[in-house]
Amino acid sequence: LDGPAEEIEEKTFWLLHALTHNIVPAYYISGMVDVQVDCLVFEELLRQKVPSVYKVLKEANVDCIVLATKWFICLFADVVPMETVLRIFDCLFYEGDKILFRACIALVKLHLDTIVKCHLFPDVVLTFRNICKDKQTLYCHEFLQAMFKLSGSLPRSRIQRLREKCRVKVMQTMDELNQREAEYRTQLELQRQKQNQVDHPEPDITPAEDNMIGEQQEEEAESEEIGTGDLSKTTCNSNGELAPAPSLVRSTVGLAVR
């Protein structure tokens, strides 16, 4: 990029916008579903094009999501040497996202002899981490040649079919995880409620107290229906003054006793 600093910054911004909105538009959204889908597509391409490596991964119980998520999220930036990253970006802008699969497969094929010697999960993960920074990825021209010397074509229609197939698997897995999370939260809430009942038990109420409370609630309901200004709940004492009716006195005494 040439020109004044502000112009370079603007061009850089629009390049980034093209990457995140046109080339890999669904990589950087919540859930990163497309990243998981492309990892499974890569695994399927390994099964077809590099079966020996696919066999090693299955025997070691290693998923490509563990190995290649960073490759796709970072678009190989901070994965391979910068000079090689820039060459991959050139191809990415020119050919689109299918170049990412070429880069993944080339990276594996260049280190085929090292990978097939692995048998355990930690060995496979460590080997895949180390192959990204060795001399075979440092020489960008050789790496690019390996990318475009892959046997067989890699048409976009084929990648799209694999993506549709793998997307079903990813969505099923996510639904299962969401269901498990919901069940876990339900169990957690039930345990919390039980613990709260143990820590703060409700007081026991005798039948007599229960009847007294019921009578009081009935009287309060009647008072609300009649109105606060009704004098039917009052009586006159010997001095001619208004006084609470006996029923109210009994209720008040009952509450005081309780």
C-alpha atoms as a PDB file:
ATOM      1  CA  LEU A   1       0.000   0.000   0.000  1.00  0.00           C
ATOM      2  CA  ASP A   2       1.406   3.361  -1.064  1.00  0.00           C
ATOM      3  CA  GLY A   3       0.381   6.913  -0.249  1.00  0.00           C
ATOM      4  CA  PRO A   4      -0.131   9.124   2.815  1.00  0.00           C
ATOM      5  CA  ALA A   5      -0.613   7.485   6.187  1.00  0.00           C
ATOM      6  CA  GLU A   6      -4.327   8.345   6.357  1.00  0.00           C
ATOM      7  CA  GLU A   7      -4.928   6.859   2.917  1.00  0.00           C
ATOM      8  CA  ILE A   8      -3.056   3.684   3.872  1.00  0.00           C
ATOM      9  CA  GLU A   9      -5.142   3.373   7.035  1.00  0.00           C
ATOM     10  CA  GLU A  10      -8.350   3.741   5.050  1.00  0.00           C
ATOM     11  CA  LYS A  11      -7.289   1.126   2.497  1.00  0.00           C
ATOM     12  CA  THR A  12      -6.317  -1.219   5.314  1.00  0.00           C
ATOM     13  CA  PHE A  13      -9.719  -0.732   6.903  1.00  0.00           C
ATOM     14  CA  TRP A  14     -11.538  -1.610   3.678  1.00  0.00           C
ATOM     15  CA  LEU A  15      -9.361  -4.675   3.181  1.00  0.00           C
ATOM     16  CA  LEU A  16     -10.283  -5.827   6.672  1.00  0.00           C
ATOM     17  CA  HIS A  17     -13.933  -5.059   5.935  1.00  0.00           C
ATOM     18  CA  ALA A  18     -13.769  -7.162   2.764  1.00  0.00           C
ATOM     19  CA  LEU A  19     -12.281 -10.060   4.722  1.00  0.00           C
ATOM     20  CA  THR A  20     -14.797 -10.048   7.552  1.00  0.00           C
ATOM     21  CA  HIS A  21     -17.909  -9.179   5.520  1.00  0.00           C
ATOM     22  CA  ASN A  22     -17.342 -10.774   2.110  1.00  0.00           C
ATOM     23  CA  ILE A  23     -14.750 -13.562   2.249  1.00  0.00           C
ATOM     24  CA  VAL A  24     -15.435 -15.054   5.691  1.00  0.00           C
ATOM     25  CA  PRO A  25     -18.598 -13.188   6.772  1.00  0.00           C
ATOM     26  CA  ALA A  26     -19.732 -15.600   9.500  1.00  0.00           C
ATOM     27  CA  TYR A  27     -16.398 -16.368  11.165  1.00  0.00           C
ATOM     28  CA  TYR A  28     -16.621 -13.585  13.719  1.00  0.00           C
ATOM     29  CA  ILE A  29     -20.186 -13.768  14.997  1.00  0.00           C
ATOM     30  CA  SER A  30     -21.567 -15.266  18.189  1.00  0.00           C
ATOM     31  CA  GLY A  31     -20.964 -19.000  18.348  1.00  0.00           C
ATOM     32  CA  MET A  32     -18.515 -18.942  15.411  1.00  0.00           C
ATOM     33  CA  VAL A  33     -20.549 -21.670  13.720  1.00  0.00           C
ATOM     34  CA  ASP A  34     -18.794 -21.289  10.355  1.00  0.00           C
ATOM     35  CA  VAL A  35     -15.374 -21.765  11.963  1.00  0.00           C
ATOM     36  CA  GLN A  36     -16.542 -25.076  13.415  1.00  0.00           C
ATOM     37  CA  VAL A  37     -18.081 -26.043  10.075  1.00  0.00           C
ATOM     38  CA  ASP A  38     -14.869 -25.331   8.157  1.00  0.00           C
ATOM     39  CA  CYS A  39     -12.833 -27.335  10.678  1.00  0.00           C
ATOM     40  CA  LEU A  40     -15.067 -30.326   9.951  1.00  0.00           C
ATOM     41  CA  VAL A  41     -14.760 -29.686   6.198  1.00  0.00           C
ATOM     42  CA  PHE A  42     -10.980 -29.725   6.616  1.00  0.00           C
ATOM     43  CA  GLU A  43     -11.263 -33.042   8.457  1.00  0.00           C
ATOM     44  CA  GLU A  44     -13.320 -34.496   5.608  1.00  0.00           C
ATOM     45  CA  LEU A  45     -10.779 -33.258   3.045  1.00  0.00           C
ATOM     46  CA  LEU A  46      -8.026 -34.951   5.060  1.00  0.00           C
ATOM     47  CA  ARG A  47      -9.983 -38.198   4.904  1.00  0.00           C
ATOM     48  CA  GLN A  48     -10.166 -37.909   1.131  1.00  0.00           C
ATOM     49  CA  LYS A  49      -6.742 -36.470   0.286  1.00  0.00           C
ATOM     50  CA  VAL A  50      -4.438 -37.488   3.164  1.00  0.00           C
ATOM     51  CA  PRO A  51      -5.991 -40.659   4.640  1.00  0.00           C
ATOM     52  CA  SER A  52      -2.848 -41.599   6.581  1.00  0.00           C
ATOM     53  CA  VAL A  53      -3.067 -38.392   8.643  1.00  0.00           C
ATOM     54  CA  TYR A  54      -6.814 -38.815   9.074  1.00  0.00           C
ATOM     55  CA  LYS A  55      -6.181 -42.289  10.484  1.00  0.00           C
ATOM     56  CA  VAL A  56      -3.632 -40.911  12.967  1.00  0.00           C
ATOM     57  CA  LEU A  57      -6.116 -38.291  14.191  1.00  0.00           C
ATOM     58  CA  LYS A  58      -8.877 -40.844  14.697  1.00  0.00           C
ATOM     59  CA  GLU A  59      -6.630 -43.321  16.503  1.00  0.00           C
ATOM     60  CA  ALA A  60      -5.405 -40.544  18.821  1.00  0.00           C
ATOM     61  CA  ASN A  61      -8.984 -39.265  19.272  1.00  0.00           C
ATOM     62  CA  VAL A  62      -8.087 -35.765  18.044  1.00  0.00           C
ATOM     63  CA  ASP A  63     -10.652 -33.544  16.317  1.00  0.00           C
ATOM     64  CA  CYS A  64      -9.633 -30.994  13.726  1.00  0.00           C
ATOM     65  CA  ILE A  65     -11.538 -28.382  15.735  1.00  0.00           C
ATOM     66  CA  VAL A  66      -8.805 -28.724  18.363  1.00  0.00           C
ATOM     67  CA  LEU A  67      -6.014 -28.415  15.808  1.00  0.00           C
ATOM     68  CA  ALA A  68      -7.244 -25.958  13.203  1.00  0.00           C
ATOM     69  CA  THR A  69      -9.589 -23.492  14.923  1.00  0.00           C
ATOM     70  CA  LYS A  70      -6.798 -20.935  15.308  1.00  0.00           C
ATOM     71  CA  TRP A  71      -5.780 -21.410  11.671  1.00  0.00           C
ATOM     72  CA  PHE A  72      -9.225 -20.365  10.456  1.00  0.00           C
ATOM     73  CA  ILE A  73      -9.979 -17.668  13.035  1.00  0.00           C
ATOM     74  CA  CYS A  74      -6.626 -15.925  12.489  1.00  0.00           C
ATOM     75  CA  LEU A  75      -6.568 -16.674   8.740  1.00  0.00           C
ATOM     76  CA  PHE A  76      -3.053 -18.047   9.452  1.00  0.00           C
ATOM     77  CA  ALA A  77      -1.862 -14.738  10.895  1.00  0.00           C
ATOM     78  CA  ASP A  78       0.184 -15.527  14.026  1.00  0.00           C
ATOM     79  CA  VAL A  79       0.249 -19.156  12.840  1.00  0.00           C
ATOM     80  CA  VAL A  80       2.850 -19.263  10.065  1.00  0.00           C
ATOM     81  CA  PRO A  81       5.689 -16.758   9.434  1.00  0.00           C
ATOM     82  CA  MET A  82       4.529 -13.315   8.342  1.00  0.00           C
ATOM     83  CA  GLU A  83       5.987 -13.556   4.843  1.00  0.00           C
ATOM     84  CA  THR A  84       3.969 -16.700   4.254  1.00  0.00           C
ATOM     85  CA  VAL A  85       0.874 -15.070   5.778  1.00  0.00           C
ATOM     86  CA  LEU A  86       1.072 -12.226   3.275  1.00  0.00           C
ATOM     87  CA  ARG A  87       1.271 -14.651   0.367  1.00  0.00           C
ATOM     88  CA  ILE A  88      -1.725 -16.560   1.687  1.00  0.00           C
ATOM     89  CA  PHE A  89      -3.624 -13.260   1.973  1.00  0.00           C
ATOM     90  CA  ASP A  90      -2.810 -12.431  -1.658  1.00  0.00           C
ATOM     91  CA  CYS A  91      -4.352 -15.729  -2.727  1.00  0.00           C
ATOM     92  CA  LEU A  92      -7.247 -15.278  -0.306  1.00  0.00           C
ATOM     93  CA  PHE A  93      -8.290 -11.969  -1.865  1.00  0.00           C
ATOM     94  CA  TYR A  94      -7.911 -13.413  -5.344  1.00  0.00           C
ATOM     95  CA  GLU A  95      -9.494 -16.879  -4.976  1.00  0.00           C
ATOM     96  CA  GLY A  96     -11.666 -16.536  -1.892  1.00  0.00           C
ATOM     97  CA  ASP A  97     -11.976 -18.654   1.227  1.00  0.00           C
ATOM     98  CA  LYS A  98     -11.242 -22.000  -0.441  1.00  0.00           C
ATOM     99  CA  ILE A  99      -7.556 -21.030  -0.343  1.00  0.00           C
ATOM    100  CA  LEU A 100      -7.676 -21.606   3.422  1.00  0.00           C
ATOM    101  CA  PHE A 101      -8.321 -25.307   2.829  1.00  0.00           C
ATOM    102  CA  ARG A 102      -5.440 -25.478   0.377  1.00  0.00           C
ATOM    103  CA  ALA A 103      -3.149 -23.929   2.984  1.00  0.00           C
ATOM    104  CA  CYS A 104      -4.330 -26.380   5.666  1.00  0.00           C
ATOM    105  CA  ILE A 105      -3.805 -29.442   3.485  1.00  0.00           C
ATOM    106  CA  ALA A 106      -0.429 -28.203   2.220  1.00  0.00           C
ATOM    107  CA  LEU A 107       0.712 -27.644   5.804  1.00  0.00           C
ATOM    108  CA  VAL A 108      -0.189 -31.233   6.648  1.00  0.00           C
ATOM    109  CA  LYS A 109       1.332 -32.759   3.515  1.00  0.00           C
ATOM    110  CA  LEU A 110       4.635 -30.950   3.993  1.00  0.00           C
ATOM    111  CA  HIS A 111       4.936 -32.599   7.414  1.00  0.00           C
ATOM    112  CA  LEU A 112       3.379 -35.950   6.608  1.00  0.00           C
ATOM    113  CA  ASP A 113       6.365 -38.015   7.766  1.00  0.00           C
ATOM    114  CA  THR A 114       6.411 -36.288  11.157  1.00  0.00           C
ATOM    115  CA  ILE A 115       2.677 -36.518  11.761  1.00  0.00           C
ATOM    116  CA  VAL A 116       2.289 -40.235  10.997  1.00  0.00           C
ATOM    117  CA  LYS A 117       4.808 -41.046  13.736  1.00  0.00           C
ATOM    118  CA  CYS A 118       2.450 -39.680  16.393  1.00  0.00           C
ATOM    119  CA  HIS A 119       0.199 -42.045  18.317  1.00  0.00           C
ATOM    120  CA  LEU A 120      -1.008 -40.161  21.393  1.00  0.00           C
ATOM    121  CA  PHE A 121      -3.227 -37.099  21.749  1.00  0.00           C
ATOM    122  CA  PRO A 122      -0.514 -34.826  23.268  1.00  0.00           C
ATOM    123  CA  ASP A 123       1.997 -35.834  20.574  1.00  0.00           C
ATOM    124  CA  VAL A 124      -0.402 -34.968  17.762  1.00  0.00           C
ATOM    125  CA  VAL A 125      -1.335 -31.585  19.252  1.00  0.00           C
ATOM    126  CA  LEU A 126       2.300 -30.654  19.908  1.00  0.00           C
ATOM    127  CA  THR A 127       3.373 -31.721  16.414  1.00  0.00           C
ATOM    128  CA  PHE A 128       0.681 -29.631  14.742  1.00  0.00           C
ATOM    129  CA  ARG A 129       1.751 -26.669  16.855  1.00  0.00           C
ATOM    130  CA  ASN A 130       5.394 -27.044  15.843  1.00  0.00           C
ATOM    131  CA  ILE A 131       4.902 -27.583  12.103  1.00  0.00           C
ATOM    132  CA  CYS A 132       3.598 -24.046  11.708  1.00  0.00           C
ATOM    133  CA  LYS A 133       6.949 -22.412  12.449  1.00  0.00           C
ATOM    134  CA  ASP A 134       9.558 -24.644  10.831  1.00  0.00           C
ATOM    135  CA  LYS A 135      11.643 -23.957   7.729  1.00  0.00           C
ATOM    136  CA  GLN A 136       9.100 -25.498   5.357  1.00  0.00           C
ATOM    137  CA  THR A 137       6.593 -22.795   6.215  1.00  0.00           C
ATOM    138  CA  LEU A 138       9.280 -20.110   6.402  1.00  0.00           C
ATOM    139  CA  TYR A 139      10.051 -20.375   2.685  1.00  0.00           C
ATOM    140  CA  CYS A 140       6.846 -18.877   1.370  1.00  0.00           C
ATOM    141  CA  HIS A 141       7.493 -19.683  -2.310  1.00  0.00           C
ATOM    142  CA  GLU A 142       7.858 -23.393  -1.599  1.00  0.00           C
ATOM    143  CA  PHE A 143       4.790 -23.310   0.599  1.00  0.00           C
ATOM    144  CA  LEU A 144       2.716 -21.658  -2.138  1.00  0.00           C
ATOM    145  CA  GLN A 145       3.910 -24.245  -4.647  1.00  0.00           C
ATOM    146  CA  ALA A 146       2.830 -27.019  -2.287  1.00  0.00           C
ATOM    147  CA  MET A 147      -0.588 -25.382  -1.957  1.00  0.00           C
ATOM    148  CA  PHE A 148      -1.231 -25.465  -5.690  1.00  0.00           C
ATOM    149  CA  LYS A 149       0.304 -28.888  -6.344  1.00  0.00           C
ATOM    150  CA  LEU A 150      -2.386 -30.743  -4.442  1.00  0.00           C
ATOM    151  CA  SER A 151      -3.707 -33.745  -6.316  1.00  0.00           C
ATOM    152  CA  GLY A 152      -7.200 -33.240  -7.661  1.00  0.00           C
ATOM    153  CA  SER A 153      -9.190 -30.058  -7.967  1.00  0.00           C
ATOM    154  CA  LEU A 154     -10.905 -28.237  -5.129  1.00  0.00           C
ATOM    155  CA  PRO A 155     -13.966 -26.587  -6.693  1.00  0.00           C
ATOM    156  CA  ARG A 156     -16.106 -24.224  -4.672  1.00  0.00           C
ATOM    157  CA  SER A 157     -19.212 -26.343  -5.326  1.00  0.00           C
ATOM    158  CA  ARG A 158     -17.570 -29.307  -3.614  1.00  0.00           C
ATOM    159  CA  ILE A 159     -16.641 -27.211  -0.585  1.00  0.00           C
ATOM    160  CA  GLN A 160     -20.187 -25.870  -0.411  1.00  0.00           C
ATOM    161  CA  ARG A 161     -21.652 -29.390  -0.382  1.00  0.00           C
ATOM    162  CA  LEU A 162     -19.272 -30.405   2.401  1.00  0.00           C
ATOM    163  CA  ARG A 163     -20.194 -27.287   4.367  1.00  0.00           C
ATOM    164  CA  GLU A 164     -23.898 -28.066   4.161  1.00  0.00           C
ATOM    165  CA  LYS A 165     -23.239 -31.603   5.360  1.00  0.00           C
ATOM    166  CA  CYS A 166     -20.989 -30.496   8.223  1.00  0.00           C
ATOM    167  CA  ARG A 167     -23.296 -27.672   9.273  1.00  0.00           C
ATOM    168  CA  VAL A 168     -25.979 -30.221  10.167  1.00  0.00           C
ATOM    169  CA  LYS A 169     -23.514 -31.982  12.493  1.00  0.00           C
ATOM    170  CA  VAL A 170     -22.440 -28.728  14.126  1.00  0.00           C
ATOM    171  CA  MET A 171     -26.022 -27.577  14.730  1.00  0.00           C
ATOM    172  CA  GLN A 172     -26.957 -30.959  16.210  1.00  0.00           C
ATOM    173  CA  THR A 173     -23.976 -30.765  18.552  1.00  0.00           C
ATOM    174  CA  MET A 174     -24.857 -27.211  19.592  1.00  0.00           C
ATOM    175  CA  ASP A 175     -28.487 -28.204  20.248  1.00  0.00           C
ATOM    176  CA  GLU A 176     -27.318 -31.078  22.457  1.00  0.00           C
ATOM    177  CA  LEU A 177     -24.991 -28.766  24.370  1.00  0.00           C
ATOM    178  CA  ASN A 178     -27.765 -26.193  24.850  1.00  0.00           C
ATOM    179  CA  GLN A 179     -30.108 -28.906  26.113  1.00  0.00           C
ATOM    180  CA  ARG A 180     -27.500 -30.164  28.571  1.00  0.00           C
ATOM    181  CA  GLU A 181     -26.890 -26.629  29.783  1.00  0.00           C
ATOM    182  CA  ALA A 182     -30.627 -26.083  30.318  1.00  0.00           C
ATOM    183  CA  GLU A 183     -30.898 -29.354  32.269  1.00  0.00           C
ATOM    184  CA  TYR A 184     -27.887 -28.403  34.356  1.00  0.00           C
ATOM    185  CA  ARG A 185     -29.359 -24.993  35.181  1.00  0.00           C
ATOM    186  CA  THR A 186     -32.670 -26.623  36.161  1.00  0.00           C
ATOM    187  CA  GLN A 187     -30.921 -29.058  38.491  1.00  0.00           C
ATOM    188  CA  LEU A 188     -28.877 -26.225  39.963  1.00  0.00           C
ATOM    189  CA  GLU A 189     -32.023 -24.197  40.671  1.00  0.00           C
ATOM    190  CA  LEU A 190     -33.717 -27.181  42.341  1.00  0.00           C
ATOM    191  CA  GLN A 191     -30.669 -27.738  44.537  1.00  0.00           C
ATOM    192  CA  ARG A 192     -30.653 -24.052  45.460  1.00  0.00           C
ATOM    193  CA  GLN A 193     -34.324 -24.180  46.441  1.00  0.00           C
ATOM    194  CA  LYS A 194     -33.814 -27.311  48.556  1.00  0.00           C
ATOM    195  CA  GLN A 195     -30.839 -25.745  50.307  1.00  0.00           C
ATOM    196  CA  ASN A 196     -32.851 -22.589  50.938  1.00  0.00           C
ATOM    197  CA  GLN A 197     -35.607 -24.670  52.556  1.00  0.00           C
ATOM    198  CA  VAL A 198     -33.030 -26.344  54.805  1.00  0.00           C
ATOM    199  CA  ASP A 199     -31.439 -23.029  55.791  1.00  0.00           C
ATOM    200  CA  HIS A 200     -34.765 -21.198  56.290  1.00  0.00           C
ATOM    201  CA  PRO A 201     -37.494 -23.715  57.238  1.00  0.00           C
ATOM    202  CA  GLU A 202     -41.094 -22.486  57.397  1.00  0.00           C
ATOM    203  CA  PRO A 203     -42.614 -22.381  60.968  1.00  0.00           C
ATOM    204  CA  ASP A 204     -45.075 -25.140  61.853  1.00  0.00           C
ATOM    205  CA  ILE A 205     -48.709 -23.967  62.273  1.00  0.00           C
ATOM    206  CA  THR A 206     -51.143 -25.834  64.540  1.00  0.00           C
ATOM    207  CA  PRO A 207     -54.710 -26.595  63.315  1.00  0.00           C
ATOM    208  CA  ALA A 208     -56.147 -24.080  65.807  1.00  0.00           C
ATOM    209  CA  GLU A 209     -53.853 -21.342  64.534  1.00  0.00           C
ATOM    210  CA  ASP A 210     -54.683 -22.293  60.957  1.00  0.00           C
ATOM    211  CA  ASN A 211     -58.439 -21.966  61.675  1.00  0.00           C
ATOM    212  CA  MET A 212     -57.879 -18.632  63.419  1.00  0.00           C
ATOM    213  CA  ILE A 213     -55.962 -17.314  60.406  1.00  0.00           C
ATOM    214  CA  GLY A 214     -58.743 -18.517  58.096  1.00  0.00           C
ATOM    215  CA  GLU A 215     -61.423 -16.754  60.139  1.00  0.00           C
ATOM    216  CA  GLN A 216     -59.393 -13.566  60.207  1.00  0.00           C
ATOM    217  CA  GLN A 217     -58.940 -13.662  56.417  1.00  0.00           C
ATOM    218  CA  GLU A 218     -62.690 -14.182  55.929  1.00  0.00           C
ATOM    219  CA  GLU A 219     -63.517 -11.226  58.175  1.00  0.00           C
ATOM    220  CA  GLU A 220     -61.018  -9.022  56.351  1.00  0.00           C
ATOM    221  CA  ALA A 221     -62.556 -10.041  53.023  1.00  0.00           C
ATOM    222  CA  GLU A 222     -66.052  -9.160  54.292  1.00  0.00           C
ATOM    223  CA  SER A 223     -64.823  -5.772  55.518  1.00  0.00           C
ATOM    224  CA  GLU A 224     -63.357  -4.981  52.117  1.00  0.00           C
ATOM    225  CA  GLU A 225     -66.628  -5.910  50.383  1.00  0.00           C
ATOM    226  CA  ILE A 226     -68.780  -3.773  52.702  1.00  0.00           C
ATOM    227  CA  GLY A 227     -66.419  -0.777  52.672  1.00  0.00           C
ATOM    228  CA  THR A 228     -64.268   1.011  55.160  1.00  0.00           C
ATOM    229  CA  GLY A 229     -67.085   3.424  56.147  1.00  0.00           C
ATOM    230  CA  ASP A 230     -69.619   0.665  57.103  1.00  0.00           C
ATOM    231  CA  LEU A 231     -70.811   0.801  60.733  1.00  0.00           C
ATOM    232  CA  SER A 232     -72.151  -2.761  60.753  1.00  0.00           C
ATOM    233  CA  LYS A 233     -68.949  -3.915  62.387  1.00  0.00           C
ATOM    234  CA  THR A 234     -69.401  -1.475  65.331  1.00  0.00           C
ATOM    235  CA  THR A 235     -71.746  -1.215  68.296  1.00  0.00           C
ATOM    236  CA  CYS A 236     -72.601   1.327  70.981  1.00  0.00           C
ATOM    237  CA  ASN A 237     -71.318   0.993  74.516  1.00  0.00           C
ATOM    238  CA  SER A 238     -73.094   2.128  77.683  1.00  0.00           C
ATOM    239  CA  ASN A 239     -71.949   5.722  77.105  1.00  0.00           C
ATOM    240  CA  GLY A 240     -73.426   5.822  73.609  1.00  0.00           C
ATOM    241  CA  GLU A 241     -69.999   5.758  71.976  1.00  0.00           C
ATOM    242  CA  LEU A 242     -69.097   3.604  68.998  1.00  0.00           C
ATOM    243  CA  ALA A 243     -67.032   0.530  69.886  1.00  0.00           C
ATOM    244  CA  PRO A 244     -65.729  -2.460  67.891  1.00  0.00           C
ATOM    245  CA  ALA A 245     -68.160  -5.317  67.506  1.00  0.00           C
ATOM    246  CA  PRO A 246     -67.454  -8.410  69.647  1.00  0.00           C
ATOM    247  CA  SER A 247     -66.358 -10.401  66.612  1.00  0.00           C
ATOM    248  CA  LEU A 248     -63.601  -7.877  65.902  1.00  0.00           C
ATOM    249  CA  VAL A 249     -62.560  -7.911  69.550  1.00  0.00           C
ATOM    250  CA  ARG A 250     -62.311 -11.691  69.486  1.00  0.00           C
ATOM    251  CA  SER A 251     -60.248 -11.549  66.283  1.00  0.00           C
ATOM    252  CA  THR A 252     -57.923  -8.954  67.768  1.00  0.00           C
ATOM    253  CA  VAL A 253     -57.500 -10.960  70.954  1.00  0.00           C
ATOM    254  CA  GLY A 254     -56.899 -14.088  68.919  1.00  0.00           C
ATOM    255  CA  LEU A 255     -54.176 -12.380  66.936  1.00  0.00           C
ATOM    256  CA  ALA A 256     -52.595 -11.052  70.123  1.00  0.00           C
ATOM    257  CA  VAL A 257     -52.610 -14.546  71.650  1.00  0.00           C
ATOM    258  CA  ARG A 258     -51.121 -15.940  68.501  1.00  0.00           C
END
